[in-house]
N, C-alpha and C. Protein backbone atom coordinates (compact mmCIF):
# COMPACT_ATOMS: atom_id res chain seq x y z
N MET A 1 10.02 -69.28 19.36
CA MET A 1 8.75 -68.98 19.42
C MET A 1 8.94 -67.61 20.37
N LYS A 2 9.60 -67.74 21.61
CA LYS A 2 9.62 -66.72 22.52
C LYS A 2 10.14 -65.36 21.85
N ASN A 3 11.11 -65.33 20.97
CA ASN A 3 11.49 -64.13 20.21
C ASN A 3 10.54 -63.52 19.21
N LYS A 4 9.70 -64.45 18.74
CA LYS A 4 8.62 -64.05 18.02
C LYS A 4 7.58 -63.29 18.56
N GLY A 5 7.27 -63.62 19.80
CA GLY A 5 6.24 -62.67 20.64
C GLY A 5 6.78 -61.51 21.27
N LEU A 6 8.11 -61.57 21.64
CA LEU A 6 8.51 -60.50 22.11
C LEU A 6 8.72 -59.45 21.04
N TRP A 7 8.96 -60.03 19.88
CA TRP A 7 8.98 -58.76 18.53
C TRP A 7 7.57 -58.24 18.33
N ILE A 8 6.63 -59.20 18.48
CA ILE A 8 5.42 -58.73 18.09
C ILE A 8 4.89 -57.85 19.15
N ALA A 9 5.23 -57.83 20.64
CA ALA A 9 5.11 -56.94 21.63
C ALA A 9 5.73 -55.55 21.37
N VAL A 10 7.16 -55.66 21.04
CA VAL A 10 7.85 -54.59 20.69
C VAL A 10 7.07 -53.69 19.80
N ALA A 11 6.93 -54.28 18.64
CA ALA A 11 6.17 -53.83 17.57
C ALA A 11 4.79 -52.86 17.79
N ALA A 12 4.05 -53.67 18.60
CA ALA A 12 2.93 -53.07 19.07
C ALA A 12 2.98 -51.86 19.98
N VAL A 13 4.11 -52.03 20.91
CA VAL A 13 4.48 -50.85 21.75
C VAL A 13 4.87 -49.63 20.74
N ALA A 14 5.78 -50.01 19.89
CA ALA A 14 6.34 -48.82 18.93
C ALA A 14 5.05 -48.26 18.33
N VAL A 15 4.17 -49.05 17.75
CA VAL A 15 2.96 -48.61 16.67
C VAL A 15 2.27 -47.46 17.78
N VAL A 16 1.94 -47.93 19.08
CA VAL A 16 1.03 -47.10 19.98
C VAL A 16 2.04 -46.16 20.30
N LEU A 17 3.29 -45.98 20.59
CA LEU A 17 3.89 -44.87 20.95
C LEU A 17 4.16 -44.00 19.71
N VAL A 18 4.44 -44.12 18.43
CA VAL A 18 4.35 -43.51 17.35
C VAL A 18 2.97 -42.84 17.04
N TRP A 19 2.05 -43.50 17.22
CA TRP A 19 0.51 -42.90 17.21
C TRP A 19 0.29 -42.06 18.28
N GLY A 20 0.77 -42.13 19.74
CA GLY A 20 0.59 -41.28 20.57
C GLY A 20 1.41 -39.81 20.08
N VAL A 21 2.63 -39.92 19.76
CA VAL A 21 3.42 -39.02 19.53
C VAL A 21 2.85 -38.18 18.53
N SER A 22 2.55 -38.79 17.51
CA SER A 22 1.79 -38.29 16.29
C SER A 22 0.68 -37.34 16.64
N LYS A 23 -0.55 -37.88 17.68
CA LYS A 23 -1.41 -37.27 18.12
C LYS A 23 -1.04 -35.95 18.92
N TYR A 24 -0.04 -36.19 19.68
CA TYR A 24 0.19 -35.09 20.64
C TYR A 24 0.83 -34.00 19.93
N ASN A 25 1.74 -34.31 18.89
CA ASN A 25 2.24 -33.14 18.11
C ASN A 25 1.09 -32.40 17.15
N ALA A 26 0.12 -33.00 16.72
CA ALA A 26 -0.99 -32.47 16.17
C ALA A 26 -2.01 -31.52 17.14
N LEU A 27 -2.13 -31.83 18.11
CA LEU A 27 -2.71 -31.20 19.38
C LEU A 27 -1.64 -29.83 19.38
N VAL A 28 -0.35 -30.01 19.70
CA VAL A 28 0.62 -29.01 19.98
C VAL A 28 0.37 -28.11 18.62
N GLY A 29 0.29 -28.54 17.47
CA GLY A 29 0.38 -27.64 16.16
C GLY A 29 -1.20 -26.90 16.13
N SER A 30 -2.19 -27.62 16.57
CA SER A 30 -3.44 -26.87 16.82
C SER A 30 -3.46 -25.82 17.65
N ASN A 31 -2.79 -26.22 18.54
CA ASN A 31 -2.62 -25.18 19.76
C ASN A 31 -2.16 -23.67 19.42
N GLU A 32 -1.12 -24.07 18.51
CA GLU A 32 -0.24 -22.96 18.12
C GLU A 32 -1.03 -22.04 16.97
N LYS A 33 -1.95 -23.02 16.33
CA LYS A 33 -2.40 -21.96 15.31
C LYS A 33 -3.71 -21.17 15.92
N VAL A 34 -4.23 -21.84 17.38
CA VAL A 34 -4.96 -20.86 17.95
C VAL A 34 -4.30 -19.72 18.46
N GLU A 35 -3.09 -19.83 19.07
CA GLU A 35 -2.32 -18.74 19.67
C GLU A 35 -2.12 -17.82 18.45
N ASN A 36 -1.91 -18.36 17.36
CA ASN A 36 -1.23 -17.24 16.27
C ASN A 36 -2.61 -16.50 15.86
N ALA A 37 -3.78 -17.16 15.96
CA ALA A 37 -4.80 -16.65 15.18
C ALA A 37 -5.22 -15.40 16.48
N TRP A 38 -5.20 -15.91 17.72
CA TRP A 38 -5.36 -14.80 18.86
C TRP A 38 -4.59 -13.77 18.47
N SER A 39 -3.23 -13.81 18.23
CA SER A 39 -2.44 -12.61 18.07
C SER A 39 -2.68 -12.00 17.10
N GLN A 40 -3.25 -12.23 15.82
CA GLN A 40 -3.93 -11.61 14.77
C GLN A 40 -5.10 -10.81 15.31
N VAL A 41 -5.98 -11.22 16.30
CA VAL A 41 -6.94 -10.51 16.63
C VAL A 41 -6.49 -9.27 17.50
N GLU A 42 -5.48 -9.77 18.52
CA GLU A 42 -4.99 -8.48 18.97
C GLU A 42 -4.35 -7.50 18.39
N ASN A 43 -3.49 -8.02 17.09
CA ASN A 43 -3.06 -7.00 16.31
C ASN A 43 -3.85 -5.90 15.63
N GLN A 44 -5.12 -6.54 15.35
CA GLN A 44 -5.84 -5.81 14.90
C GLN A 44 -6.70 -4.59 15.73
N TYR A 45 -6.84 -5.21 16.76
CA TYR A 45 -7.50 -4.23 17.92
C TYR A 45 -6.75 -3.02 18.31
N GLN A 46 -5.21 -3.64 18.25
CA GLN A 46 -4.38 -2.75 18.56
C GLN A 46 -4.07 -1.56 17.41
N ARG A 47 -4.45 -1.94 16.17
CA ARG A 47 -4.45 -1.28 15.25
C ARG A 47 -5.46 -0.06 15.44
N ARG A 48 -6.57 -0.75 15.73
CA ARG A 48 -7.70 0.31 16.09
C ARG A 48 -7.30 1.19 17.32
N ALA A 49 -7.12 0.78 18.20
CA ALA A 49 -6.48 1.57 19.17
C ALA A 49 -5.59 2.72 18.86
N ASP A 50 -4.52 2.57 17.95
CA ASP A 50 -3.75 3.15 17.53
C ASP A 50 -4.21 4.35 16.82
N LEU A 51 -5.32 4.12 15.95
CA LEU A 51 -5.88 5.08 14.96
C LEU A 51 -6.78 6.12 15.70
N ILE A 52 -7.28 5.78 17.05
CA ILE A 52 -8.13 6.48 17.80
C ILE A 52 -7.58 7.79 18.12
N PRO A 53 -6.39 7.85 18.72
CA PRO A 53 -5.91 9.38 19.20
C PRO A 53 -5.91 10.30 18.14
N ASN A 54 -5.51 9.86 16.71
CA ASN A 54 -5.38 10.91 15.64
C ASN A 54 -7.02 11.08 15.27
N LEU A 55 -7.74 10.34 15.35
CA LEU A 55 -9.18 10.43 14.86
C LEU A 55 -9.92 11.59 15.81
N VAL A 56 -9.59 11.39 17.16
CA VAL A 56 -10.07 12.26 18.39
C VAL A 56 -9.70 13.55 18.24
N ASN A 57 -8.22 13.63 17.93
CA ASN A 57 -7.61 15.21 17.72
C ASN A 57 -8.20 15.69 16.49
N THR A 58 -8.41 15.11 15.51
CA THR A 58 -9.14 15.65 14.32
C THR A 58 -10.37 16.25 14.67
N VAL A 59 -11.25 15.48 15.18
CA VAL A 59 -12.63 15.76 15.55
C VAL A 59 -12.41 16.88 16.49
N LYS A 60 -11.46 17.18 17.32
CA LYS A 60 -11.66 18.11 18.27
C LYS A 60 -11.63 19.51 17.65
N GLY A 61 -10.85 19.60 16.88
CA GLY A 61 -10.70 20.99 16.15
C GLY A 61 -12.15 21.39 15.72
N TYR A 62 -12.92 20.53 15.35
CA TYR A 62 -14.21 21.04 14.53
C TYR A 62 -15.35 20.91 15.59
N ALA A 63 -15.38 19.82 16.74
CA ALA A 63 -16.14 19.73 17.67
C ALA A 63 -15.91 19.89 19.00
N ALA A 64 -15.36 21.01 19.30
CA ALA A 64 -14.79 21.05 20.64
C ALA A 64 -15.80 20.91 21.68
N HIS A 65 -17.13 21.16 21.55
CA HIS A 65 -18.25 21.10 22.38
C HIS A 65 -18.92 19.72 22.43
N GLU A 66 -18.12 18.84 21.90
CA GLU A 66 -18.72 17.50 21.92
C GLU A 66 -17.67 16.65 22.92
N GLN A 67 -17.12 17.39 23.77
CA GLN A 67 -15.97 17.06 24.77
C GLN A 67 -16.34 15.77 25.50
N SER A 68 -17.75 15.38 26.07
CA SER A 68 -17.99 14.13 26.66
C SER A 68 -17.85 13.01 25.81
N THR A 69 -18.11 13.00 24.32
CA THR A 69 -17.98 12.06 23.57
C THR A 69 -16.74 11.77 23.25
N LEU A 70 -15.76 12.70 22.95
CA LEU A 70 -14.44 12.42 23.00
C LEU A 70 -13.55 11.89 24.32
N GLU A 71 -14.01 12.26 25.37
CA GLU A 71 -13.78 11.72 26.52
C GLU A 71 -14.11 10.26 26.49
N GLU A 72 -15.23 9.85 26.21
CA GLU A 72 -15.65 8.46 26.31
C GLU A 72 -14.87 7.58 25.43
N VAL A 73 -14.50 8.10 24.35
CA VAL A 73 -13.41 7.30 23.40
C VAL A 73 -12.26 7.17 24.04
N VAL A 74 -11.80 8.00 24.41
CA VAL A 74 -10.02 8.23 25.14
C VAL A 74 -10.38 7.08 26.19
N ALA A 75 -11.36 7.15 27.12
CA ALA A 75 -11.56 6.25 28.13
C ALA A 75 -11.81 4.93 27.77
N ALA A 76 -12.63 4.73 26.83
CA ALA A 76 -12.98 3.16 26.25
C ALA A 76 -11.43 2.74 25.93
N ARG A 77 -10.64 3.53 25.23
CA ARG A 77 -9.37 3.07 24.43
C ARG A 77 -8.42 2.63 25.57
N ALA A 78 -8.25 3.54 26.61
CA ALA A 78 -7.49 3.29 27.78
C ALA A 78 -7.86 1.92 28.34
N LYS A 79 -9.06 1.96 28.63
CA LYS A 79 -9.27 0.73 29.25
C LYS A 79 -9.13 -0.51 28.40
N ALA A 80 -9.49 -0.50 27.35
CA ALA A 80 -9.05 -1.69 26.33
C ALA A 80 -7.74 -2.01 26.25
N THR A 81 -6.81 -0.97 26.07
CA THR A 81 -5.32 -1.17 26.08
C THR A 81 -4.82 -1.79 27.09
N GLN A 82 -5.44 -1.58 28.42
CA GLN A 82 -5.06 -2.17 29.68
C GLN A 82 -5.33 -3.63 29.66
N LEU A 83 -6.19 -4.25 28.88
CA LEU A 83 -6.64 -5.56 29.44
C LEU A 83 -6.11 -6.43 27.97
N THR A 84 -5.22 -7.29 28.85
CA THR A 84 -4.84 -8.17 27.93
C THR A 84 -5.24 -9.75 28.26
N VAL A 85 -5.28 -10.63 27.39
CA VAL A 85 -5.63 -12.05 27.62
C VAL A 85 -4.59 -12.99 26.97
N ASP A 86 -4.04 -13.80 27.76
CA ASP A 86 -2.94 -14.70 27.40
C ASP A 86 -3.79 -15.96 26.44
N ALA A 87 -3.02 -16.17 25.39
CA ALA A 87 -3.40 -17.09 24.40
C ALA A 87 -3.67 -18.27 24.84
N SER A 88 -2.77 -18.64 25.82
CA SER A 88 -2.61 -20.06 26.32
C SER A 88 -3.75 -20.51 27.14
N SER A 89 -4.54 -19.34 27.76
CA SER A 89 -5.52 -19.54 28.88
C SER A 89 -6.85 -18.70 28.28
N LEU A 90 -7.45 -19.07 27.04
CA LEU A 90 -8.43 -18.14 26.65
C LEU A 90 -9.79 -18.91 27.18
N THR A 91 -10.16 -18.41 28.49
CA THR A 91 -11.36 -19.18 29.05
C THR A 91 -12.34 -18.00 28.50
N PRO A 92 -13.89 -18.65 28.41
CA PRO A 92 -14.97 -18.12 28.26
C PRO A 92 -14.88 -16.73 29.01
N GLU A 93 -14.76 -16.85 30.14
CA GLU A 93 -14.83 -15.51 30.94
C GLU A 93 -13.88 -14.52 30.79
N LYS A 94 -12.66 -14.98 30.40
CA LYS A 94 -11.72 -13.81 30.17
C LYS A 94 -12.00 -13.39 28.56
N LEU A 95 -12.49 -14.14 27.79
CA LEU A 95 -12.72 -13.76 26.43
C LEU A 95 -14.21 -12.93 26.40
N ALA A 96 -15.03 -13.35 27.28
CA ALA A 96 -16.08 -12.32 27.21
C ALA A 96 -15.80 -11.02 27.94
N GLU A 97 -14.70 -10.97 28.72
CA GLU A 97 -14.53 -9.55 29.31
C GLU A 97 -13.67 -8.82 28.45
N TYR A 98 -13.06 -9.60 27.41
CA TYR A 98 -12.14 -8.83 26.37
C TYR A 98 -13.04 -8.18 25.37
N GLN A 99 -14.00 -9.31 25.04
CA GLN A 99 -15.05 -8.58 24.02
C GLN A 99 -15.89 -7.50 24.47
N LYS A 100 -16.39 -7.47 25.82
CA LYS A 100 -17.00 -6.44 26.66
C LYS A 100 -16.17 -5.14 26.27
N VAL A 101 -14.91 -5.03 26.74
CA VAL A 101 -14.18 -3.91 26.76
C VAL A 101 -14.06 -3.38 25.25
N GLN A 102 -13.66 -4.26 24.23
CA GLN A 102 -13.48 -4.00 22.82
C GLN A 102 -14.96 -3.46 22.28
N GLY A 103 -16.09 -4.10 22.85
CA GLY A 103 -17.39 -3.21 22.68
C GLY A 103 -17.75 -2.17 22.93
N GLU A 104 -17.09 -1.82 24.08
CA GLU A 104 -17.18 -0.30 24.50
C GLU A 104 -16.67 0.57 23.74
N VAL A 105 -15.37 0.11 23.18
CA VAL A 105 -14.47 1.11 22.18
C VAL A 105 -15.32 1.10 20.94
N GLY A 106 -15.91 0.06 20.37
CA GLY A 106 -16.71 0.22 19.22
C GLY A 106 -17.81 1.02 19.22
N SER A 107 -18.46 0.97 20.69
CA SER A 107 -19.74 1.90 20.68
C SER A 107 -19.45 3.29 20.77
N ALA A 108 -18.26 3.44 21.51
CA ALA A 108 -17.75 4.85 21.51
C ALA A 108 -17.49 5.81 20.35
N LEU A 109 -16.82 4.67 19.37
CA LEU A 109 -16.48 5.08 18.02
C LEU A 109 -17.57 5.51 17.19
N GLY A 110 -18.38 4.43 17.46
CA GLY A 110 -19.70 4.81 16.76
C GLY A 110 -20.22 6.14 16.93
N ARG A 111 -20.40 6.64 18.36
CA ARG A 111 -20.80 7.92 18.55
C ARG A 111 -20.12 8.84 18.14
N LEU A 112 -18.70 8.75 17.89
CA LEU A 112 -17.96 9.90 17.33
C LEU A 112 -18.15 9.92 15.97
N MET A 113 -18.28 8.80 15.18
CA MET A 113 -18.43 8.76 13.88
C MET A 113 -19.79 9.51 13.55
N ALA A 114 -20.78 9.40 14.53
CA ALA A 114 -22.04 10.00 14.34
C ALA A 114 -21.94 11.52 14.45
N ILE A 115 -21.10 12.01 15.35
CA ILE A 115 -21.15 13.50 15.47
C ILE A 115 -20.57 14.02 14.13
N SER A 116 -19.60 13.37 13.25
CA SER A 116 -19.18 13.98 12.06
C SER A 116 -20.58 14.31 11.18
N GLU A 117 -21.71 13.81 11.37
CA GLU A 117 -22.90 14.15 10.35
C GLU A 117 -23.38 15.74 10.78
N ALA A 118 -23.05 16.17 12.12
CA ALA A 118 -23.58 17.60 12.49
C ALA A 118 -22.47 18.47 11.98
N TYR A 119 -21.29 17.99 11.49
CA TYR A 119 -20.14 18.96 11.08
C TYR A 119 -19.71 18.63 9.67
N PRO A 120 -20.40 19.37 8.74
CA PRO A 120 -20.00 19.26 7.25
C PRO A 120 -18.38 19.70 6.97
N ASP A 121 -18.01 20.51 7.92
CA ASP A 121 -16.54 20.76 7.46
C ASP A 121 -15.66 19.58 7.96
N LEU A 122 -16.11 19.05 9.17
CA LEU A 122 -15.60 17.73 9.59
C LEU A 122 -15.26 16.66 8.49
N LYS A 123 -16.86 16.47 8.15
CA LYS A 123 -16.69 15.53 7.06
C LYS A 123 -15.83 15.56 5.94
N ALA A 124 -15.89 16.81 5.33
CA ALA A 124 -14.95 17.22 4.32
C ALA A 124 -13.49 17.05 4.37
N ASN A 125 -13.14 17.28 5.73
CA ASN A 125 -11.61 17.18 6.04
C ASN A 125 -10.89 15.93 5.43
N GLN A 126 -9.84 16.15 4.91
CA GLN A 126 -9.01 14.92 4.27
C GLN A 126 -8.42 14.01 5.34
N ASN A 127 -7.82 14.80 6.46
CA ASN A 127 -7.34 13.47 7.44
C ASN A 127 -8.53 13.02 8.12
N PHE A 128 -9.76 13.44 8.42
CA PHE A 128 -10.72 12.79 8.94
C PHE A 128 -11.21 11.67 7.99
N MET A 129 -11.42 12.09 6.75
CA MET A 129 -11.88 11.23 5.62
C MET A 129 -10.71 9.96 5.65
N GLU A 130 -9.50 10.35 5.54
CA GLU A 130 -8.50 9.27 5.70
C GLU A 130 -8.58 8.19 6.78
N LEU A 131 -8.70 9.17 7.87
CA LEU A 131 -8.76 8.20 9.23
C LEU A 131 -9.87 7.34 9.27
N GLN A 132 -10.91 8.11 9.01
CA GLN A 132 -12.52 7.19 8.81
C GLN A 132 -12.17 5.84 7.81
N ALA A 133 -11.66 6.24 6.89
CA ALA A 133 -11.38 4.87 6.02
C ALA A 133 -10.68 3.79 6.47
N GLN A 134 -9.46 4.56 7.21
CA GLN A 134 -8.73 3.38 7.72
C GLN A 134 -9.25 2.74 8.89
N LEU A 135 -10.12 3.35 9.74
CA LEU A 135 -10.83 2.54 10.84
C LEU A 135 -11.97 1.71 10.34
N GLU A 136 -12.60 2.06 9.27
CA GLU A 136 -13.33 1.22 8.23
C GLU A 136 -12.66 -0.23 7.79
N GLY A 137 -11.49 0.03 7.65
CA GLY A 137 -10.98 -1.12 6.92
C GLY A 137 -10.39 -1.89 8.33
N THR A 138 -9.98 -1.29 9.08
CA THR A 138 -9.59 -2.05 10.57
C THR A 138 -10.62 -2.90 11.05
N GLU A 139 -11.91 -2.28 10.96
CA GLU A 139 -12.83 -3.09 11.47
C GLU A 139 -13.06 -4.40 10.76
N ASN A 140 -13.18 -3.99 9.58
CA ASN A 140 -13.03 -5.36 8.64
C ASN A 140 -12.07 -6.28 9.03
N ARG A 141 -10.82 -5.81 9.26
CA ARG A 141 -9.61 -6.69 9.44
C ARG A 141 -10.12 -7.41 10.76
N ILE A 142 -10.56 -6.63 11.58
CA ILE A 142 -10.98 -7.42 13.04
C ILE A 142 -12.02 -8.53 12.62
N ALA A 143 -13.06 -8.27 11.81
CA ALA A 143 -13.95 -9.26 11.68
C ALA A 143 -13.08 -10.57 11.18
N VAL A 144 -12.41 -10.33 9.94
CA VAL A 144 -11.69 -11.49 9.59
C VAL A 144 -10.89 -12.13 10.45
N ALA A 145 -10.02 -11.46 11.23
CA ALA A 145 -9.29 -12.19 12.27
C ALA A 145 -9.87 -12.93 13.47
N ARG A 146 -11.23 -12.37 13.74
CA ARG A 146 -11.89 -13.05 14.71
C ARG A 146 -12.55 -14.10 13.99
N ARG A 147 -12.90 -14.20 13.02
CA ARG A 147 -13.33 -15.37 11.90
C ARG A 147 -12.29 -16.42 12.09
N ASP A 148 -11.17 -16.01 11.95
CA ASP A 148 -10.11 -16.87 11.66
C ASP A 148 -9.80 -17.38 12.68
N PHE A 149 -9.82 -16.77 13.89
CA PHE A 149 -9.43 -17.28 15.35
C PHE A 149 -10.65 -18.33 15.71
N ASN A 150 -11.78 -17.99 15.23
CA ASN A 150 -12.98 -19.00 15.58
C ASN A 150 -12.62 -20.66 14.90
N GLU A 151 -12.33 -20.14 13.66
CA GLU A 151 -12.13 -21.50 12.76
C GLU A 151 -10.94 -22.28 13.44
N SER A 152 -9.88 -21.49 13.80
CA SER A 152 -8.63 -22.32 14.23
C SER A 152 -9.09 -22.96 15.86
N VAL A 153 -9.96 -22.19 16.77
CA VAL A 153 -10.56 -22.99 17.89
C VAL A 153 -11.51 -24.06 17.57
N ARG A 154 -12.25 -23.88 16.47
CA ARG A 154 -12.94 -25.11 16.30
C ARG A 154 -12.32 -26.45 15.79
N ALA A 155 -11.49 -26.20 14.91
CA ALA A 155 -10.11 -27.10 14.51
C ALA A 155 -9.52 -27.94 15.77
N TYR A 156 -9.18 -27.07 16.68
CA TYR A 156 -8.60 -27.15 17.81
C TYR A 156 -9.36 -28.19 18.66
N ASN A 157 -10.52 -27.42 18.90
CA ASN A 157 -11.48 -28.32 19.84
C ASN A 157 -12.05 -29.61 19.18
N LEU A 158 -12.30 -29.77 17.97
CA LEU A 158 -12.70 -31.05 17.35
C LEU A 158 -11.48 -31.83 17.67
N ARG A 159 -10.36 -31.50 17.57
CA ARG A 159 -9.12 -32.45 17.74
C ARG A 159 -9.14 -33.03 19.07
N THR A 160 -9.47 -31.92 20.11
CA THR A 160 -9.25 -32.49 21.26
C THR A 160 -10.29 -33.19 21.85
N LYS A 161 -11.57 -33.49 21.39
CA LYS A 161 -12.65 -33.93 21.49
C LYS A 161 -12.66 -35.36 20.95
N ARG A 162 -12.30 -35.44 19.50
CA ARG A 162 -12.33 -36.80 18.64
C ARG A 162 -11.57 -37.90 19.39
N PHE A 163 -12.15 -38.99 19.46
CA PHE A 163 -11.56 -40.28 19.89
C PHE A 163 -10.68 -40.74 18.67
N PRO A 164 -9.61 -41.20 19.13
CA PRO A 164 -8.82 -41.51 20.11
C PRO A 164 -7.85 -40.30 20.75
N ALA A 165 -7.76 -39.35 19.71
CA ALA A 165 -7.15 -38.15 20.12
C ALA A 165 -7.58 -37.64 21.55
N ASN A 166 -8.51 -37.53 22.02
CA ASN A 166 -9.17 -37.23 23.39
C ASN A 166 -8.35 -37.93 24.38
N ILE A 167 -7.98 -39.06 24.42
CA ILE A 167 -7.22 -39.69 25.29
C ILE A 167 -5.87 -39.05 25.43
N ILE A 168 -5.17 -38.68 24.45
CA ILE A 168 -3.84 -37.86 24.48
C ILE A 168 -3.90 -36.60 25.01
N ALA A 169 -5.36 -35.68 24.69
CA ALA A 169 -5.46 -34.55 24.93
C ALA A 169 -5.60 -34.43 26.65
N SER A 170 -6.45 -35.38 26.95
CA SER A 170 -6.76 -35.24 28.55
C SER A 170 -5.50 -35.66 29.36
N MET A 171 -4.61 -36.44 28.80
CA MET A 171 -3.61 -36.98 29.38
C MET A 171 -2.51 -35.78 29.52
N PHE A 172 -2.51 -34.96 28.43
CA PHE A 172 -1.57 -33.55 28.56
C PHE A 172 -2.15 -32.26 28.97
N GLY A 173 -3.47 -32.28 29.28
CA GLY A 173 -3.99 -31.14 29.62
C GLY A 173 -4.45 -30.14 28.40
N PHE A 174 -4.69 -30.88 27.30
CA PHE A 174 -5.30 -29.82 26.16
C PHE A 174 -6.74 -29.53 26.23
N GLU A 175 -7.11 -28.39 26.90
CA GLU A 175 -8.33 -28.09 27.13
C GLU A 175 -9.12 -27.38 26.15
N PRO A 176 -10.40 -27.58 26.00
CA PRO A 176 -11.17 -26.55 24.73
C PRO A 176 -10.98 -25.27 25.00
N LYS A 177 -10.90 -24.41 23.92
CA LYS A 177 -10.59 -22.98 23.97
C LYS A 177 -12.05 -22.49 23.60
N ALA A 178 -12.18 -20.99 24.09
CA ALA A 178 -13.52 -20.54 24.03
C ALA A 178 -13.60 -19.48 22.54
N TYR A 179 -14.60 -19.49 22.09
CA TYR A 179 -14.97 -18.65 20.81
C TYR A 179 -15.14 -17.14 21.17
N PHE A 180 -14.81 -16.48 20.08
CA PHE A 180 -15.39 -15.16 19.98
C PHE A 180 -17.11 -15.42 19.85
N GLU A 181 -17.76 -14.56 20.53
CA GLU A 181 -19.37 -14.55 20.40
C GLU A 181 -19.80 -13.09 20.00
N ALA A 182 -20.85 -13.24 19.40
CA ALA A 182 -21.36 -11.77 19.19
C ALA A 182 -21.80 -11.16 20.76
N VAL A 183 -21.48 -10.00 20.67
CA VAL A 183 -21.77 -9.15 21.94
C VAL A 183 -23.53 -9.20 22.02
N SER A 184 -23.94 -9.16 23.25
CA SER A 184 -25.25 -8.73 23.49
C SER A 184 -25.92 -7.67 22.65
N GLY A 185 -26.82 -7.83 22.20
CA GLY A 185 -27.45 -6.68 21.17
C GLY A 185 -26.87 -6.63 19.99
N ALA A 186 -25.79 -7.53 19.32
CA ALA A 186 -25.26 -7.18 18.16
C ALA A 186 -26.33 -7.67 17.12
N GLU A 187 -27.41 -8.33 17.35
CA GLU A 187 -28.34 -8.59 16.27
C GLU A 187 -29.23 -7.50 15.89
N SER A 188 -29.23 -6.53 16.59
CA SER A 188 -29.98 -5.28 16.33
C SER A 188 -29.13 -3.93 15.72
N ALA A 189 -29.68 -3.45 14.80
CA ALA A 189 -28.66 -2.26 14.21
C ALA A 189 -28.63 -1.06 15.23
N PRO A 190 -27.74 -0.50 15.38
CA PRO A 190 -27.68 0.78 16.46
C PRO A 190 -28.43 1.74 16.04
N THR A 191 -28.84 2.53 16.96
CA THR A 191 -29.85 3.80 16.39
C THR A 191 -28.67 4.99 16.68
N VAL A 192 -28.89 5.81 15.57
CA VAL A 192 -28.11 7.00 15.62
C VAL A 192 -29.01 8.15 15.92
N GLU A 193 -28.88 9.11 16.58
CA GLU A 193 -29.71 10.28 16.85
C GLU A 193 -28.89 11.41 16.73
N PHE A 194 -29.48 12.60 16.01
CA PHE A 194 -28.71 13.82 16.36
C PHE A 194 -29.72 14.98 16.79
């Protein structure tokens, strides 16, 4: 009889251990998905940053007296490329700061694109048209990467909050991750004036 009780206790401990390892591994997998999704977001923002110098140089030839707008774009790009956020520590504050800097780049690019309306020769320039198309494609890729990131964060956060996995999550320090959120004023269309 003693051996039977011992075997039952060993079996119960083994079941709990297997369950705990399974939940831990699922949390690690979810965390890796979030970090991978974040790297895709950064890749797309880097793609946009890489396009900016070519776009600015193309516009310079046609709109030399728009120097202040060109300088704003270059400065916003420089600021954005200096700020990095580690995927393992995505706090709401760090993500908000990253979004703010990237929003400044988007705003400066919007003003740069508006300049093209005043210069018909620039609008007809093949290089400008190709760069503009690449930039539009990149903005779409950024939107997709951000959506995928938010979906992976949602799955991860749910996994860290649901019982009983939340026990393992709290034991091993799996903290909720922050979402990308719309920047302030994103609900209103921008005003373009010439």
